[in-house]
Amino acid sequence: YSTYSTSSSTPNTLDQDDDVSPGIKPEDKPITKAKCKVEGCQTQYVWHGSTTNMVNHLRDIHHITKTSLEHSSVEELKKSSQQTIEITLSKPYSASRQQKLTQDIIIFFISCTLPLSLIENKNFRIFLNSFDPRYKPLCVNTIKNKIVNETNHTAQSIKNEFRIYDLTLGIIEMGAYKNADDIINTIEPMLEEFGLNRSKILSITTDNVSNVKLAVTRLSARLSVSDPIVNIFCAAHMLQLSVEA
């Protein structure tokens, strides 16, 4: 390790009892830093007199210890450490790590609606290698298969966990000449009886008659909803109207 001093540009955070040399403002007090001298390593620490961080760094990152210094020169250890770093970077990731990175790339492609063929683009692979040479990207067909398998798994989970139930809450006779308010006054008591608030009403399916459509619009307003209730028109009824036309 080598040490050097720099001028601090940080705001004054010293207490009144801090020892500051005469003529030196607290914000200009020099900061001593320790820099690792192993080739290829740019690690730096703010040094306050303790060597603990330096010793731990040399031991954990470069495998340089007091014992190793007794058997090898500093230059030999520097060279050995650099080779260790290069060997580590040349080794491929474990299967689990490779899979996690691939999953992250797939999510990125899908969320940004990017074409999957980009994974085989020469420049994109150069880009990936620049950031992480240990990651080996898959081919586009393998990624497609992974997406299909995941989709099938999700669909199967939904199929197994969800059930659709058809329940008739009421059959109420109304007069032939009913307006929108008549329809609403018939529906609202049923909603209250079964505790069906707006959050439980996704849509209302009706025919295409104007008074029924108006009833759905007014019911949305009465329930004080920001988004109107979706009015789905009966396909069979609309098809019948087109045939009659």
Foldseek 3Di string as FASTA:
>chain_A
DDKDKDFAQDDQPDDPPDDDDPPADSRGDIWMKDADPQPPGGDIDGDPPDCVVVQCCCCPQQVDHPVVVVVDPPVVSSVSSVVVVVVVLPAADDPVVLVVVQVVVLCVCVVVVHDLQVLVDPVVVVVVCVVGVRHDGDHSVVSVVVVVVVVVVVVVVCVVPDDDDDDDQDDDDDDPDDALVNVLVVVVVSCVVVVPAPVNQQAAEEADDPRPVVNQQVNQVVSPDPDGRHYHYDPVRVVVVVVVD
